[in-house]
Amino acid sequence: MLITHDTRCALDTVVDLVNTVPEDEAAADGLPDVATLENFVRMHKISDVGLLSEFDLSAVRKIRGRFAGIFAAPDARSAAGMINDLVAAAGTTPRLTDHDGYDWHVHYFAPGASVADHLAADCGMALAFFVVAGEQERLRRCEAPDCRRAFVDLSRNRSRRYCDSRTCGNRLHVAAYRARRKEATG
């Protein structure tokens, strides 16, 4: 599957956005305030975003919940329905652009769109490409028992199981190794 630079950026953005959702009611929100949202926008180089407000923060939190639902979708039809609703509500207006030193690429958000609509349109379309390509199962959650972070499995054989092989994957492999050693010496 060919993934263009702007699609990859949108995928990274949507994964990071979904991973700001609190794990449970006791956990802290990853987007607690407007300043954190401003940092998120700056870190992901989201273009054409004006001054952000509490209204924007609330709207982004709502769409991130909808994106989380897409990662939890049981099948492509369910994911497609959620993506269609999300993208339609954003009022997509596809247009070619070559800003900030990037080659030609497509923006799906309307000029002057809110940051929530911008994210819904561009990130929604990036996820739509996976459904169209029959690759919806690549939108995953970490299989580590104490981690449910979202990620997009871009491995050739669709075998990635953990959000980060250095943390979750290594931790589980070391625990399994220690359990085998303990059983062998036990």
C-alpha atoms as a PDB file:
ATOM      1  CA  MET A   1       0.000   0.000   0.000  1.00  0.00           C
ATOM      2  CA  LEU A   2       1.443   3.359  -1.053  1.00  0.00           C
ATOM      3  CA  ILE A   3       1.268   5.898   1.749  1.00  0.00           C
ATOM      4  CA  THR A   4       2.056   9.471   0.781  1.00  0.00           C
ATOM      5  CA  HIS A   5       3.820  11.898   3.111  1.00  0.00           C
ATOM      6  CA  ASP A   6       0.644  13.821   3.970  1.00  0.00           C
ATOM      7  CA  THR A   7      -1.282  10.598   4.634  1.00  0.00           C
ATOM      8  CA  ARG A   8       1.507   9.382   6.924  1.00  0.00           C
ATOM      9  CA  CYS A   9       1.467  12.705   8.792  1.00  0.00           C
ATOM     10  CA  ALA A  10      -2.312  12.450   9.189  1.00  0.00           C
ATOM     11  CA  LEU A  11      -1.998   8.862  10.464  1.00  0.00           C
ATOM     12  CA  ASP A  12       0.637   9.887  13.008  1.00  0.00           C
ATOM     13  CA  THR A  13      -1.597  12.753  14.080  1.00  0.00           C
ATOM     14  CA  VAL A  14      -4.731  10.641  14.512  1.00  0.00           C
ATOM     15  CA  VAL A  15      -2.830   7.962  16.455  1.00  0.00           C
ATOM     16  CA  ASP A  16      -1.349  10.579  18.785  1.00  0.00           C
ATOM     17  CA  LEU A  17      -4.769  12.200  19.151  1.00  0.00           C
ATOM     18  CA  VAL A  18      -6.494   8.913  20.009  1.00  0.00           C
ATOM     19  CA  ASN A  19      -3.743   8.166  22.511  1.00  0.00           C
ATOM     20  CA  THR A  20      -4.618  11.334  24.464  1.00  0.00           C
ATOM     21  CA  VAL A  21      -7.906   9.724  25.542  1.00  0.00           C
ATOM     22  CA  PRO A  22      -7.702   8.843  29.242  1.00  0.00           C
ATOM     23  CA  GLU A  23      -7.362   5.079  29.798  1.00  0.00           C
ATOM     24  CA  ASP A  24      -9.992   5.204  32.539  1.00  0.00           C
ATOM     25  CA  GLU A  25     -11.784   7.727  34.726  1.00  0.00           C
ATOM     26  CA  ALA A  26      -8.820   7.936  37.117  1.00  0.00           C
ATOM     27  CA  ALA A  27      -6.298   8.724  34.354  1.00  0.00           C
ATOM     28  CA  ALA A  28      -5.430  12.248  33.285  1.00  0.00           C
ATOM     29  CA  ASP A  29      -6.685  13.581  29.971  1.00  0.00           C
ATOM     30  CA  GLY A  30      -3.887  13.928  27.432  1.00  0.00           C
ATOM     31  CA  LEU A  31      -5.489  17.166  26.191  1.00  0.00           C
ATOM     32  CA  PRO A  32      -6.206  18.928  29.484  1.00  0.00           C
ATOM     33  CA  ASP A  33      -6.200  22.516  28.227  1.00  0.00           C
ATOM     34  CA  VAL A  34      -5.905  24.864  25.262  1.00  0.00           C
ATOM     35  CA  ALA A  35      -2.129  25.223  25.742  1.00  0.00           C
ATOM     36  CA  THR A  36      -1.700  21.453  25.326  1.00  0.00           C
ATOM     37  CA  LEU A  37      -3.875  21.550  22.206  1.00  0.00           C
ATOM     38  CA  GLU A  38      -1.698  24.387  20.851  1.00  0.00           C
ATOM     39  CA  ASN A  39       1.403  22.237  21.481  1.00  0.00           C
ATOM     40  CA  PHE A  40      -0.278  19.294  19.750  1.00  0.00           C
ATOM     41  CA  VAL A  41      -1.061  21.461  16.708  1.00  0.00           C
ATOM     42  CA  ARG A  42       2.493  22.820  16.618  1.00  0.00           C
ATOM     43  CA  MET A  43       4.115  19.395  17.133  1.00  0.00           C
ATOM     44  CA  HIS A  44       2.113  17.883  14.268  1.00  0.00           C
ATOM     45  CA  LYS A  45       2.618  20.931  12.029  1.00  0.00           C
ATOM     46  CA  ILE A  46      -1.111  21.271  11.442  1.00  0.00           C
ATOM     47  CA  SER A  47      -1.441  24.137   8.982  1.00  0.00           C
ATOM     48  CA  ASP A  48      -4.051  26.882   8.657  1.00  0.00           C
ATOM     49  CA  VAL A  49      -5.008  26.877  12.344  1.00  0.00           C
ATOM     50  CA  GLY A  50      -5.812  30.197  13.939  1.00  0.00           C
ATOM     51  CA  LEU A  51      -6.140  31.159  17.567  1.00  0.00           C
ATOM     52  CA  LEU A  52      -7.450  28.231  19.615  1.00  0.00           C
ATOM     53  CA  SER A  53     -10.094  28.425  22.334  1.00  0.00           C
ATOM     54  CA  GLU A  54     -11.949  26.263  24.860  1.00  0.00           C
ATOM     55  CA  PHE A  55     -14.539  25.658  22.132  1.00  0.00           C
ATOM     56  CA  ASP A  56     -11.804  24.162  19.904  1.00  0.00           C
ATOM     57  CA  LEU A  57     -10.549  22.000  22.772  1.00  0.00           C
ATOM     58  CA  SER A  58     -14.040  20.638  23.374  1.00  0.00           C
ATOM     59  CA  ALA A  59     -14.601  19.969  19.658  1.00  0.00           C
ATOM     60  CA  VAL A  60     -11.253  18.176  19.290  1.00  0.00           C
ATOM     61  CA  ARG A  61     -12.010  16.011  22.320  1.00  0.00           C
ATOM     62  CA  LYS A  62     -15.314  14.999  20.711  1.00  0.00           C
ATOM     63  CA  ILE A  63     -13.757  13.968  17.413  1.00  0.00           C
ATOM     64  CA  ARG A  64     -10.911  12.126  19.131  1.00  0.00           C
ATOM     65  CA  GLY A  65     -13.568   9.934  20.766  1.00  0.00           C
ATOM     66  CA  ARG A  66     -15.018   9.269  17.337  1.00  0.00           C
ATOM     67  CA  PHE A  67     -11.561   8.385  16.009  1.00  0.00           C
ATOM     68  CA  ALA A  68     -11.082   6.013  18.956  1.00  0.00           C
ATOM     69  CA  GLY A  69     -14.290   4.307  17.860  1.00  0.00           C
ATOM     70  CA  ILE A  70     -12.823   3.742  14.398  1.00  0.00           C
ATOM     71  CA  PHE A  71      -9.792   1.987  15.904  1.00  0.00           C
ATOM     72  CA  ALA A  72     -12.201  -0.229  17.858  1.00  0.00           C
ATOM     73  CA  ALA A  73     -14.463  -0.970  14.867  1.00  0.00           C
ATOM     74  CA  PRO A  74     -15.067  -4.722  14.474  1.00  0.00           C
ATOM     75  CA  ASP A  75     -15.069  -4.633  10.677  1.00  0.00           C
ATOM     76  CA  ALA A  76     -14.548  -2.451   7.609  1.00  0.00           C
ATOM     77  CA  ARG A  77     -18.261  -1.692   7.179  1.00  0.00           C
ATOM     78  CA  SER A  78     -18.499  -0.305  10.712  1.00  0.00           C
ATOM     79  CA  ALA A  79     -15.286   1.692  10.287  1.00  0.00           C
ATOM     80  CA  ALA A  80     -16.493   3.043   6.931  1.00  0.00           C
ATOM     81  CA  GLY A  81     -19.767   4.241   8.429  1.00  0.00           C
ATOM     82  CA  MET A  82     -17.958   6.047  11.242  1.00  0.00           C
ATOM     83  CA  ILE A  83     -15.443   7.596   8.854  1.00  0.00           C
ATOM     84  CA  ASN A  84     -18.198   8.710   6.460  1.00  0.00           C
ATOM     85  CA  ASP A  85     -20.072  10.424   9.292  1.00  0.00           C
ATOM     86  CA  LEU A  86     -16.930  12.100  10.604  1.00  0.00           C
ATOM     87  CA  VAL A  87     -15.719  13.354   7.226  1.00  0.00           C
ATOM     88  CA  ALA A  88     -19.189  14.507   6.120  1.00  0.00           C
ATOM     89  CA  ALA A  89     -19.696  16.515   9.312  1.00  0.00           C
ATOM     90  CA  ALA A  90     -16.355  18.252   8.693  1.00  0.00           C
ATOM     91  CA  GLY A  91     -17.553  19.634   5.361  1.00  0.00           C
ATOM     92  CA  THR A  92     -14.647  18.375   3.296  1.00  0.00           C
ATOM     93  CA  THR A  93     -13.394  20.490   0.430  1.00  0.00           C
ATOM     94  CA  PRO A  94     -10.519  18.667  -1.294  1.00  0.00           C
ATOM     95  CA  ARG A  95      -7.888  20.961  -2.752  1.00  0.00           C
ATOM     96  CA  LEU A  96      -4.311  20.667  -3.953  1.00  0.00           C
ATOM     97  CA  THR A  97      -1.667  22.651  -2.103  1.00  0.00           C
ATOM     98  CA  ASP A  98       2.133  22.890  -1.920  1.00  0.00           C
ATOM     99  CA  HIS A  99       2.758  24.911   1.231  1.00  0.00           C
ATOM    100  CA  ASP A 100       5.711  25.074   3.618  1.00  0.00           C
ATOM    101  CA  GLY A 101       8.173  23.392   1.257  1.00  0.00           C
ATOM    102  CA  TYR A 102       6.104  20.236   0.726  1.00  0.00           C
ATOM    103  CA  ASP A 103       5.325  18.959  -2.760  1.00  0.00           C
ATOM    104  CA  TRP A 104       1.766  18.893  -4.032  1.00  0.00           C
ATOM    105  CA  HIS A 105      -0.651  17.129  -1.757  1.00  0.00           C
ATOM    106  CA  VAL A 106      -4.358  17.179  -0.975  1.00  0.00           C
ATOM    107  CA  HIS A 107      -5.974  18.944   1.961  1.00  0.00           C
ATOM    108  CA  TYR A 108      -9.514  17.828   2.623  1.00  0.00           C
ATOM    109  CA  PHE A 109     -10.546  20.532   5.066  1.00  0.00           C
ATOM    110  CA  ALA A 110     -12.251  23.716   3.912  1.00  0.00           C
ATOM    111  CA  PRO A 111     -10.250  26.944   4.054  1.00  0.00           C
ATOM    112  CA  GLY A 112     -10.818  28.581   7.442  1.00  0.00           C
ATOM    113  CA  ALA A 113     -12.063  25.321   8.989  1.00  0.00           C
ATOM    114  CA  SER A 114     -11.813  24.814  12.733  1.00  0.00           C
ATOM    115  CA  VAL A 115      -8.998  22.630  14.012  1.00  0.00           C
ATOM    116  CA  ALA A 116     -11.552  19.897  14.801  1.00  0.00           C
ATOM    117  CA  ASP A 117     -12.943  19.953  11.253  1.00  0.00           C
ATOM    118  CA  HIS A 118      -9.404  20.059   9.883  1.00  0.00           C
ATOM    119  CA  LEU A 119      -8.475  16.940  11.875  1.00  0.00           C
ATOM    120  CA  ALA A 120     -11.747  15.181  11.069  1.00  0.00           C
ATOM    121  CA  ALA A 121     -11.325  15.777   7.334  1.00  0.00           C
ATOM    122  CA  ASP A 122      -7.610  15.072   6.835  1.00  0.00           C
ATOM    123  CA  CYS A 123      -7.259  12.287   9.408  1.00  0.00           C
ATOM    124  CA  GLY A 124     -10.606  10.795   8.446  1.00  0.00           C
ATOM    125  CA  MET A 125      -9.523  10.585   4.824  1.00  0.00           C
ATOM    126  CA  ALA A 126      -6.211   8.985   5.808  1.00  0.00           C
ATOM    127  CA  LEU A 127      -8.145   6.290   7.666  1.00  0.00           C
ATOM    128  CA  ALA A 128     -10.553   5.989   4.722  1.00  0.00           C
ATOM    129  CA  PHE A 129      -7.648   5.051   2.447  1.00  0.00           C
ATOM    130  CA  PHE A 130      -6.976   2.045   4.684  1.00  0.00           C
ATOM    131  CA  VAL A 131     -10.578   0.877   4.487  1.00  0.00           C
ATOM    132  CA  VAL A 132     -10.630   1.346   0.696  1.00  0.00           C
ATOM    133  CA  ALA A 133      -7.414  -0.685   0.385  1.00  0.00           C
ATOM    134  CA  GLY A 134      -8.909  -3.491   2.492  1.00  0.00           C
ATOM    135  CA  GLU A 135      -6.411  -2.752   5.265  1.00  0.00           C
ATOM    136  CA  GLN A 136      -8.739  -1.689   8.109  1.00  0.00           C
ATOM    137  CA  GLU A 137      -7.256  -4.401  10.342  1.00  0.00           C
ATOM    138  CA  ARG A 138      -4.012  -2.398  10.385  1.00  0.00           C
ATOM    139  CA  LEU A 139      -5.733   0.125  12.687  1.00  0.00           C
ATOM    140  CA  ARG A 140      -4.949  -1.549  15.978  1.00  0.00           C
ATOM    141  CA  ARG A 141      -4.640  -1.343  19.731  1.00  0.00           C
ATOM    142  CA  CYS A 142      -1.590  -2.553  21.626  1.00  0.00           C
ATOM    143  CA  GLU A 143      -1.926  -6.167  22.787  1.00  0.00           C
ATOM    144  CA  ALA A 144       0.035  -5.620  26.002  1.00  0.00           C
ATOM    145  CA  PRO A 145      -2.395  -6.348  28.874  1.00  0.00           C
ATOM    146  CA  ASP A 146      -1.754  -3.009  30.583  1.00  0.00           C
ATOM    147  CA  CYS A 147      -1.672  -0.886  27.413  1.00  0.00           C
ATOM    148  CA  ARG A 148      -4.415  -0.091  24.929  1.00  0.00           C
ATOM    149  CA  ARG A 149      -2.617   2.589  22.898  1.00  0.00           C
ATOM    150  CA  ALA A 150      -3.635   2.926  19.254  1.00  0.00           C
ATOM    151  CA  PHE A 151      -1.203   2.420  16.385  1.00  0.00           C
ATOM    152  CA  VAL A 152      -1.224   1.765  12.652  1.00  0.00           C
ATOM    153  CA  ASP A 153       0.516  -1.478  11.723  1.00  0.00           C
ATOM    154  CA  LEU A 154       2.642  -0.608   8.699  1.00  0.00           C
ATOM    155  CA  SER A 155       4.666  -3.833   8.799  1.00  0.00           C
ATOM    156  CA  ARG A 156       4.764  -5.780   5.548  1.00  0.00           C
ATOM    157  CA  ASN A 157       3.139  -8.871   6.984  1.00  0.00           C
ATOM    158  CA  ARG A 158       0.663  -7.130   9.310  1.00  0.00           C
ATOM    159  CA  SER A 159       2.341  -8.723  12.338  1.00  0.00           C
ATOM    160  CA  ARG A 160       2.891  -5.792  14.680  1.00  0.00           C
ATOM    161  CA  ARG A 161       1.246  -6.436  18.051  1.00  0.00           C
ATOM    162  CA  TYR A 162       2.516  -3.659  20.299  1.00  0.00           C
ATOM    163  CA  CYS A 163       2.403   0.118  20.148  1.00  0.00           C
ATOM    164  CA  ASP A 164       6.151   0.203  20.780  1.00  0.00           C
ATOM    165  CA  SER A 165       8.350  -2.861  20.556  1.00  0.00           C
ATOM    166  CA  ARG A 166      10.972  -1.267  22.824  1.00  0.00           C
ATOM    167  CA  THR A 167       8.592  -0.752  25.721  1.00  0.00           C
ATOM    168  CA  CYS A 168       5.496  -2.941  25.588  1.00  0.00           C
ATOM    169  CA  GLY A 169       6.997  -5.663  23.411  1.00  0.00           C
ATOM    170  CA  ASN A 170      10.288  -5.891  25.306  1.00  0.00           C
ATOM    171  CA  ARG A 171       8.557  -5.815  28.684  1.00  0.00           C
ATOM    172  CA  LEU A 172       6.321  -8.756  27.757  1.00  0.00           C
ATOM    173  CA  HIS A 173       9.143 -10.730  26.162  1.00  0.00           C
ATOM    174  CA  VAL A 174      11.325 -10.260  29.244  1.00  0.00           C
ATOM    175  CA  ALA A 175       8.437 -11.290  31.524  1.00  0.00           C
ATOM    176  CA  ALA A 176       7.839 -14.426  29.418  1.00  0.00           C
ATOM    177  CA  TYR A 177      11.563 -15.230  29.465  1.00  0.00           C
ATOM    178  CA  ARG A 178      11.717 -14.852  33.241  1.00  0.00           C
ATOM    179  CA  ALA A 179       8.646 -17.041  33.669  1.00  0.00           C
ATOM    180  CA  ARG A 180      10.215 -19.766  31.497  1.00  0.00           C
ATOM    181  CA  ARG A 181      13.494 -19.538  33.434  1.00  0.00           C
ATOM    182  CA  LYS A 182      11.669 -19.721  36.757  1.00  0.00           C
ATOM    183  CA  GLU A 183       9.686 -22.757  35.585  1.00  0.00           C
ATOM    184  CA  ALA A 184      12.847 -24.458  34.293  1.00  0.00           C
ATOM    185  CA  THR A 185      14.715 -23.944  37.578  1.00  0.00           C
ATOM    186  CA  GLY A 186      11.654 -24.372  39.745  1.00  0.00           C
END
